[in-house]
Amino acid sequence: MPSSWGKIFRISTFGESHGESVGVVVEGVPAGIPIRLEEIQKDLNRRRPGQSKLTTPRDESDTVRIVSGVFEGKTIGSPIALIVDNQNTISKDYENLRETFRPSHADYTYQAKYGFRAHVGGGRSSVRETIARVAAGAIARMILEDDLGVRTVAWVDTIGEISSDLTEEKYPRSREEVDENEVRCPDSVAADRMRNLILKMKEAGDSVGGIIRCASYHLPPGLGDPVYDKLDGDLAKAILSIPACKGFEVGSGFAGTLLTGSNHNDEFYVEEGSGRVRTRTNRSGGLQGGISNGEALVIRAAFKPTSTIFKKQNTVNLNREETVLEAKGRHDPCVLPRAVPIVEAAVNLVLVDAYLYQRAMNPLWFKKWASMPAYYDDLKL
């Protein structure tokens, strides 16, 4: 079962929802990089279950331990291993799923592929696996912020048919802005409506999906490779590998198909004073030809409604018999609020890998962009 990602900054994740622990091994981090454990824990706290009435009531502290690769607060160049222990598993809630497949879940496909599966908590298909990605993503975030000033911020853009009313000029610039409400939508009016909808779905034993938008600010030009290793291709793979994610777009995305080329193209100009090459619009979402162009990277990720709901559903079992399922357990009525830090982590993992690759391939690039902090001032979308 493939569980690794990356070329230089390479992660290998392990663990299941109701196993003893989940974790990640991170390779490719140069020696001497400061690692702030409290920053990793902060990101995990944003992802953890039980943080509000909008999420699953499973109560996990998700306390992370670093067991290798770090000495006196800095990396030593060897693999970094991070582990989080599972402390609040109730496996008996899943006994009725031993031979029954949940509609739209990975139960049937895992059984068909491997002939055997961990039915408790969804096993490896559970969103609990993303603890590993968020922990590794926190290390990636620190490297990007410390070396390049890159800052990635994601937020809930829509829940069901309720959309935020944020123009590009009003996109949040910090995670603190996003966390001002439990929905993680910076539009407070829309957030209240979204919260009410999620609670309504929870009370009805149902679920609802939505869209997360993510922006990476201060990203220098030159990251990513043409043809088969395009940055948008790597981002798509990373984002779509997140449980429940069913759609991905960069910049104008599908809406761009409604425009003509003359209306869609991002015209270049030279910024007065700095001499920087800029674009007057950013419908490309910061990527052209699979390579970053120096503008903000903007993506969106679509998440389906949570598969496990408490309404009766028709399904089949291992014996190919039609039956009715009444699910038990503890599940999110909407994955979006907790998926925000997961999307950020996925983006940061792709960007740090591209950055370390570019730095190794072309040291002059790093010397140029790391020594030009003025380039990043007041970058528009």
Protein backbone atom coordinates (compact mmCIF):
# COMPACT_ATOMS: atom_id res chain seq x y z
CA MET A 1 0.00 0.00 0.00
CA PRO A 2 1.82 3.17 -1.17
CA SER A 3 2.36 5.60 1.72
CA SER A 4 5.20 7.88 0.56
CA TRP A 5 5.39 11.27 -1.13
CA GLY A 6 8.09 13.63 -2.44
CA LYS A 7 11.40 13.64 -4.32
CA ILE A 8 13.76 15.38 -1.89
CA PHE A 9 11.52 16.27 1.07
CA ARG A 10 10.12 12.75 1.25
CA ILE A 11 7.50 11.60 3.74
CA SER A 12 6.34 8.08 4.62
CA THR A 13 3.22 7.87 6.77
CA PHE A 14 2.00 4.97 8.88
CA GLY A 15 -0.80 3.95 11.23
CA GLU A 16 -4.56 3.37 11.20
CA SER A 17 -7.52 5.10 12.78
CA HIS A 18 -7.90 2.59 15.62
CA GLY A 19 -4.32 1.32 15.76
CA GLU A 20 -1.87 2.12 18.53
CA SER A 21 -0.36 5.17 16.83
CA VAL A 22 -0.14 7.18 13.63
CA GLY A 23 2.96 8.94 12.43
CA VAL A 24 5.38 9.96 9.72
CA VAL A 25 9.05 9.65 8.80
CA VAL A 26 10.45 12.71 7.02
CA GLU A 27 13.63 12.41 4.95
CA GLY A 28 15.60 14.99 3.01
CA VAL A 29 15.64 17.78 5.58
CA PRO A 30 19.10 19.41 5.70
CA ALA A 31 20.98 19.49 8.99
CA GLY A 32 20.79 22.59 11.16
CA ILE A 33 17.16 23.50 10.42
CA PRO A 34 15.36 24.81 13.55
CA ILE A 35 12.38 22.64 14.51
CA ARG A 36 9.85 24.23 16.85
CA LEU A 37 7.80 21.42 18.38
CA GLU A 38 5.17 23.88 19.61
CA GLU A 39 4.55 24.95 15.99
CA ILE A 40 3.93 21.37 14.92
CA GLN A 41 1.57 20.86 17.85
CA LYS A 42 -0.28 24.07 17.01
CA ASP A 43 -1.02 22.78 13.49
CA LEU A 44 -2.17 19.42 14.87
CA ASN A 45 -4.47 21.17 17.34
CA ARG A 46 -6.22 22.86 14.41
CA ARG A 47 -6.84 19.43 12.83
CA ARG A 48 -7.72 17.45 15.97
CA PRO A 49 -11.22 16.02 16.57
CA GLY A 50 -13.50 17.23 19.33
CA GLN A 51 -12.58 20.90 18.99
CA SER A 52 -16.15 22.17 18.58
CA LYS A 53 -19.79 21.10 18.18
CA LEU A 54 -19.22 21.07 14.41
CA THR A 55 -16.78 18.16 14.53
CA THR A 56 -16.69 14.54 15.62
CA PRO A 57 -16.87 14.18 19.43
CA ARG A 58 -13.92 11.76 19.45
CA ASP A 59 -11.66 13.25 22.11
CA GLU A 60 -8.00 13.03 21.15
CA SER A 61 -5.22 15.34 22.34
CA ASP A 62 -3.09 14.43 19.29
CA THR A 63 0.08 15.15 21.25
CA VAL A 64 3.07 14.72 18.96
CA ARG A 65 6.47 13.25 19.86
CA ILE A 66 9.68 13.58 17.84
CA VAL A 67 11.65 10.37 18.33
CA SER A 68 14.53 10.86 15.88
CA GLY A 69 16.32 13.31 13.63
CA VAL A 70 16.32 16.34 15.93
CA PHE A 71 18.96 17.31 18.51
CA GLU A 72 18.81 20.42 20.70
CA GLY A 73 16.00 21.84 18.59
CA LYS A 74 17.68 21.43 15.19
CA THR A 75 17.69 18.76 12.50
CA ILE A 76 20.78 16.59 12.19
CA GLY A 77 20.20 15.44 8.61
CA SER A 78 18.86 11.98 9.48
CA PRO A 79 15.21 10.86 9.09
CA ILE A 80 12.81 12.68 11.40
CA ALA A 81 10.15 10.46 12.97
CA LEU A 82 7.01 11.96 14.52
CA ILE A 83 4.41 9.89 16.38
CA VAL A 84 0.93 10.58 17.77
CA ASP A 85 -0.71 7.92 19.95
CA ASN A 86 -4.42 7.05 19.57
CA GLN A 87 -6.06 7.35 22.99
CA ASN A 88 -9.83 7.39 22.47
CA THR A 89 -10.75 4.50 20.20
CA ILE A 90 -14.13 2.77 20.56
CA SER A 91 -13.75 -0.10 18.11
CA LYS A 92 -16.99 -1.86 19.14
CA ASP A 93 -18.95 0.87 17.36
CA TYR A 94 -17.69 -0.56 14.07
CA GLU A 95 -18.51 -4.23 14.61
CA ASN A 96 -21.52 -4.03 12.28
CA LEU A 97 -19.14 -2.93 9.51
CA ARG A 98 -17.03 -6.09 9.64
CA GLU A 99 -19.00 -7.55 6.73
CA THR A 100 -21.02 -4.54 5.53
CA PHE A 101 -19.89 -1.79 3.18
CA ARG A 102 -20.69 1.86 3.87
CA PRO A 103 -22.04 3.64 0.75
CA SER A 104 -19.45 5.98 -0.87
CA HIS A 105 -16.78 4.92 1.65
CA ALA A 106 -13.57 3.01 0.90
CA ASP A 107 -14.84 -0.19 2.55
CA TYR A 108 -15.77 -2.02 -0.65
CA THR A 109 -12.81 -0.89 -2.74
CA TYR A 110 -10.25 -1.79 -0.04
CA GLN A 111 -11.88 -5.21 0.31
CA ALA A 112 -11.88 -5.72 -3.46
CA LYS A 113 -8.23 -4.69 -3.82
CA TYR A 114 -6.62 -6.37 -0.81
CA GLY A 115 -9.10 -9.10 0.15
CA PHE A 116 -8.80 -7.98 3.78
CA ARG A 117 -9.27 -4.68 5.59
CA ALA A 118 -9.26 -3.01 8.99
CA HIS A 119 -12.97 -2.26 9.33
CA VAL A 120 -12.68 -0.34 12.62
CA GLY A 121 -12.64 3.41 12.07
CA GLY A 122 -11.95 2.99 8.38
CA GLY A 123 -8.40 1.80 9.02
CA ARG A 124 -5.94 3.42 6.65
CA SER A 125 -8.68 5.25 4.71
CA SER A 126 -9.63 7.30 7.77
CA VAL A 127 -8.94 11.02 7.90
CA ARG A 128 -6.92 10.19 11.02
CA GLU A 129 -4.07 9.31 8.64
CA THR A 130 -3.77 13.02 7.86
CA ILE A 131 -2.22 13.62 11.29
CA ALA A 132 1.01 12.48 9.65
CA ARG A 133 0.64 14.91 6.74
CA VAL A 134 -0.10 17.85 9.04
CA ALA A 135 2.91 17.05 11.26
CA ALA A 136 5.24 16.80 8.26
CA GLY A 137 3.55 19.82 6.68
CA ALA A 138 4.38 21.88 9.76
CA ILE A 139 8.08 21.20 9.20
CA ALA A 140 7.65 22.13 5.54
CA ARG A 141 5.86 25.33 6.57
CA MET A 142 8.67 26.37 8.91
CA ILE A 143 11.31 25.87 6.21
CA LEU A 144 9.32 27.86 3.64
CA GLU A 145 8.59 30.68 6.07
CA ASP A 146 12.13 30.87 7.46
CA ASP A 147 13.96 30.61 4.12
CA LEU A 148 11.66 32.39 1.68
CA GLY A 149 8.93 34.14 3.64
CA VAL A 150 6.29 31.96 1.94
CA ARG A 151 3.00 31.94 3.86
CA THR A 152 0.17 29.52 3.04
CA VAL A 153 -3.34 30.22 4.32
CA ALA A 154 -6.45 28.12 3.65
CA TRP A 155 -10.06 28.79 4.62
CA VAL A 156 -13.60 27.48 4.11
CA ASP A 157 -15.03 29.11 0.99
CA THR A 158 -18.39 27.32 0.74
CA ILE A 159 -20.52 24.90 2.72
CA GLY A 160 -23.36 23.36 0.73
CA GLU A 161 -24.93 26.22 -1.23
CA ILE A 162 -23.64 28.90 1.18
CA SER A 163 -20.66 30.83 -0.19
CA SER A 164 -18.37 33.40 1.38
CA ASP A 165 -18.37 36.89 -0.09
CA LEU A 166 -14.60 37.44 -0.15
CA THR A 167 -13.02 39.27 -3.06
CA GLU A 168 -9.34 38.72 -3.80
CA GLU A 169 -8.42 41.88 -1.94
CA LYS A 170 -10.10 40.51 1.19
CA TYR A 171 -8.51 37.06 1.22
CA PRO A 172 -7.10 36.32 4.69
CA ARG A 173 -3.35 36.75 5.11
CA SER A 174 -2.92 34.73 8.32
CA ARG A 175 -4.20 31.58 9.99
CA GLU A 176 -5.26 33.71 12.94
CA GLU A 177 -7.80 35.51 10.74
CA VAL A 178 -9.19 32.16 9.60
CA ASP A 179 -9.47 30.78 13.14
CA GLU A 180 -11.60 33.65 14.43
CA ASN A 181 -14.66 31.36 14.15
CA GLU A 182 -15.09 27.59 14.39
CA VAL A 183 -16.17 27.22 10.77
CA ARG A 184 -12.85 28.71 9.64
CA CYS A 185 -14.55 31.04 7.17
CA PRO A 186 -13.27 34.66 7.35
CA ASP A 187 -16.65 35.99 6.16
CA SER A 188 -18.42 36.15 9.53
CA VAL A 189 -21.91 36.52 8.05
CA ALA A 190 -21.48 33.47 5.83
CA ALA A 191 -19.78 31.61 8.70
CA ASP A 192 -22.88 31.96 10.89
CA ARG A 193 -25.07 30.53 8.15
CA MET A 194 -22.59 27.73 7.53
CA ARG A 195 -22.49 26.86 11.22
CA ASN A 196 -26.27 26.62 11.39
CA LEU A 197 -26.34 24.37 8.33
CA ILE A 198 -23.70 22.01 9.75
CA LEU A 199 -25.56 21.77 13.08
CA LYS A 200 -28.79 21.10 11.19
CA MET A 201 -27.14 18.25 9.29
CA LYS A 202 -25.68 16.88 12.53
CA GLU A 203 -29.08 16.84 14.22
CA ALA A 204 -30.60 15.08 11.22
CA GLY A 205 -27.86 12.43 11.20
CA ASP A 206 -26.76 13.65 7.78
CA SER A 207 -23.70 15.46 6.39
CA VAL A 208 -22.75 18.29 4.03
CA GLY A 209 -19.73 19.13 1.84
CA GLY A 210 -18.10 22.27 0.53
CA ILE A 211 -15.02 23.96 -0.92
CA ILE A 212 -11.76 25.14 0.66
CA ARG A 213 -9.72 27.92 -0.94
CA CYS A 214 -5.99 28.22 -0.28
CA ALA A 215 -3.48 30.96 -1.11
CA SER A 216 0.31 30.85 -0.83
CA TYR A 217 1.77 34.34 -0.59
CA HIS A 218 5.33 35.48 -1.37
CA LEU A 219 6.08 32.46 -3.55
CA PRO A 220 9.07 33.29 -5.79
CA PRO A 221 9.04 32.50 -9.53
CA GLY A 222 10.78 29.40 -10.84
CA LEU A 223 9.38 26.57 -8.70
CA GLY A 224 8.08 23.50 -10.51
CA ASP A 225 9.16 21.72 -13.68
CA PRO A 226 7.67 21.52 -17.17
CA VAL A 227 5.76 18.66 -18.77
CA TYR A 228 5.44 15.77 -16.29
CA ASP A 229 6.45 17.46 -13.03
CA LYS A 230 4.33 20.58 -13.23
CA LEU A 231 3.69 22.23 -9.89
CA ASP A 232 -0.07 22.22 -10.51
CA GLY A 233 0.08 18.49 -11.29
CA ASP A 234 1.90 17.75 -8.04
CA LEU A 235 -0.54 19.94 -6.14
CA ALA A 236 -3.50 18.17 -7.70
CA LYS A 237 -2.16 14.76 -6.67
CA ALA A 238 -1.46 15.91 -3.12
CA ILE A 239 -4.82 17.61 -2.65
CA LEU A 240 -6.89 14.84 -4.25
CA SER A 241 -5.19 12.27 -2.02
CA ILE A 242 -6.88 13.87 1.02
CA PRO A 243 -9.84 11.76 2.20
CA ALA A 244 -13.21 13.06 0.89
CA CYS A 245 -11.59 15.46 -1.62
CA LYS A 246 -13.24 15.10 -5.03
CA GLY A 247 -12.19 18.19 -6.97
CA PHE A 248 -9.23 20.52 -7.53
CA GLU A 249 -8.62 23.72 -9.50
CA VAL A 250 -5.94 26.40 -9.87
CA GLY A 251 -6.68 30.08 -10.37
CA SER A 252 -9.83 30.63 -12.44
CA GLY A 253 -10.28 26.86 -12.74
CA PHE A 254 -13.51 25.74 -14.39
CA ALA A 255 -14.88 29.29 -14.35
CA GLY A 256 -12.08 30.26 -16.73
CA THR A 257 -13.73 28.20 -19.46
CA LEU A 258 -16.46 30.83 -19.65
CA LEU A 259 -13.99 33.58 -20.64
CA THR A 260 -12.26 34.40 -23.91
CA GLY A 261 -8.47 34.42 -24.14
CA SER A 262 -8.41 38.22 -24.25
CA ASN A 263 -10.39 38.36 -21.01
CA HIS A 264 -8.56 35.52 -19.29
CA ASN A 265 -4.90 36.25 -20.02
CA ASP A 266 -2.80 37.80 -17.25
CA GLU A 267 -0.94 40.70 -18.86
CA PHE A 268 2.63 41.34 -17.73
CA TYR A 269 4.13 44.65 -16.68
CA VAL A 270 7.28 45.85 -14.95
CA GLU A 271 6.61 47.23 -11.50
CA GLU A 272 7.95 50.73 -11.04
CA GLY A 273 10.64 51.02 -8.40
CA SER A 274 11.36 47.32 -7.90
CA GLY A 275 11.78 46.30 -11.52
CA ARG A 276 9.81 43.13 -10.83
CA VAL A 277 7.91 41.39 -13.58
CA ARG A 278 4.30 41.24 -12.43
CA THR A 279 0.85 40.38 -13.81
CA ARG A 280 -2.08 42.78 -13.61
CA THR A 281 -4.51 39.94 -12.87
CA ASN A 282 -3.97 36.47 -11.47
CA ARG A 283 -6.38 34.16 -13.27
CA SER A 284 -3.46 31.75 -13.71
CA GLY A 285 -3.40 31.33 -9.94
CA GLY A 286 0.34 31.97 -9.75
CA LEU A 287 1.30 29.13 -12.13
CA GLN A 288 2.12 29.20 -15.82
CA GLY A 289 3.52 26.22 -17.70
CA GLY A 290 3.61 24.32 -14.42
CA ILE A 291 6.06 26.85 -12.89
CA SER A 292 5.40 29.55 -10.30
CA ASN A 293 5.43 33.09 -11.74
CA GLY A 294 5.88 35.11 -8.54
CA GLU A 295 2.24 35.93 -7.92
CA ALA A 296 0.17 34.28 -5.17
CA LEU A 297 -0.61 30.62 -5.70
CA VAL A 298 -4.40 30.20 -5.43
CA ILE A 299 -6.17 26.83 -5.47
CA ARG A 300 -9.57 25.40 -4.49
CA ALA A 301 -10.40 21.91 -3.22
CA ALA A 302 -13.90 20.37 -3.21
CA PHE A 303 -14.90 18.00 -0.40
CA LYS A 304 -17.89 15.69 -0.58
CA PRO A 305 -20.31 15.22 2.34
CA THR A 306 -18.98 12.79 4.96
CA SER A 307 -19.76 9.23 3.84
CA THR A 308 -20.62 7.81 7.25
CA ILE A 309 -24.02 9.16 8.28
CA PHE A 310 -26.62 8.00 10.78
CA LYS A 311 -29.52 7.64 8.38
CA LYS A 312 -30.55 4.20 7.13
CA GLN A 313 -28.91 3.36 3.81
CA ASN A 314 -29.19 0.48 1.38
CA THR A 315 -25.97 -1.45 0.81
CA VAL A 316 -24.49 -4.94 0.39
CA ASN A 317 -22.29 -7.20 2.52
CA LEU A 318 -19.37 -9.56 1.97
CA ASN A 319 -21.76 -12.29 0.88
CA ARG A 320 -23.14 -10.02 -1.88
CA GLU A 321 -26.45 -9.81 -0.06
CA GLU A 322 -28.44 -6.58 -0.13
CA THR A 323 -29.00 -5.17 3.34
CA VAL A 324 -29.72 -1.96 5.27
CA LEU A 325 -26.99 -0.18 7.19
CA GLU A 326 -27.42 1.95 10.32
CA ALA A 327 -23.96 3.32 11.05
CA LYS A 328 -22.61 3.96 14.54
CA GLY A 329 -19.49 5.70 15.80
CA ARG A 330 -18.32 9.31 15.92
CA HIS A 331 -18.09 11.23 12.69
CA ASP A 332 -17.88 14.79 11.37
CA PRO A 333 -21.14 16.14 9.94
CA CYS A 334 -18.87 18.29 7.75
CA VAL A 335 -15.15 17.73 7.18
CA LEU A 336 -14.40 21.26 5.99
CA PRO A 337 -13.41 23.05 9.25
CA ARG A 338 -10.86 20.35 10.12
CA ALA A 339 -9.70 19.97 6.51
CA VAL A 340 -8.35 23.54 6.40
CA PRO A 341 -4.99 22.70 8.06
CA ILE A 342 -4.80 19.48 6.02
CA VAL A 343 -5.02 21.43 2.75
CA GLU A 344 -2.37 23.86 4.00
CA ALA A 345 -0.10 20.94 4.89
CA ALA A 346 -0.54 19.31 1.48
CA VAL A 347 0.33 22.55 -0.31
CA ASN A 348 3.36 23.17 1.90
CA LEU A 349 4.64 19.63 1.33
CA VAL A 350 4.54 20.14 -2.43
CA LEU A 351 6.11 23.60 -2.24
CA VAL A 352 8.97 22.62 0.07
CA ASP A 353 9.85 19.67 -2.15
CA ALA A 354 9.88 21.93 -5.21
CA TYR A 355 11.93 24.52 -3.32
CA LEU A 356 14.61 22.08 -2.12
CA TYR A 357 14.79 20.54 -5.61
CA GLN A 358 15.20 23.96 -7.26
CA ARG A 359 17.76 25.02 -4.65
CA ALA A 360 19.85 21.89 -5.28
CA MET A 361 19.54 22.15 -9.07
CA ASN A 362 20.27 25.87 -9.32
CA PRO A 363 22.07 27.43 -6.32
CA LEU A 364 22.14 30.80 -8.09
CA TRP A 365 18.33 30.85 -8.01
CA PHE A 366 18.32 30.50 -4.23
CA LYS A 367 21.01 33.15 -3.86
CA LYS A 368 18.92 35.57 -5.92
CA TRP A 369 15.50 35.09 -4.37
CA ALA A 370 16.51 34.47 -0.75
CA SER A 371 18.48 37.72 -0.80
CA MET A 372 15.63 39.86 -2.15
CA PRO A 373 13.10 40.24 0.68
CA ALA A 374 11.82 43.43 -0.93
CA TYR A 375 10.41 41.29 -3.72
CA TYR A 376 7.82 39.93 -1.33
CA ASP A 377 6.49 43.23 0.00
CA ASP A 378 2.79 43.77 -0.59
CA LEU A 379 2.42 41.09 -3.24
CA LYS A 380 -1.05 41.31 -4.68
CA LEU A 381 -3.13 38.31 -5.74
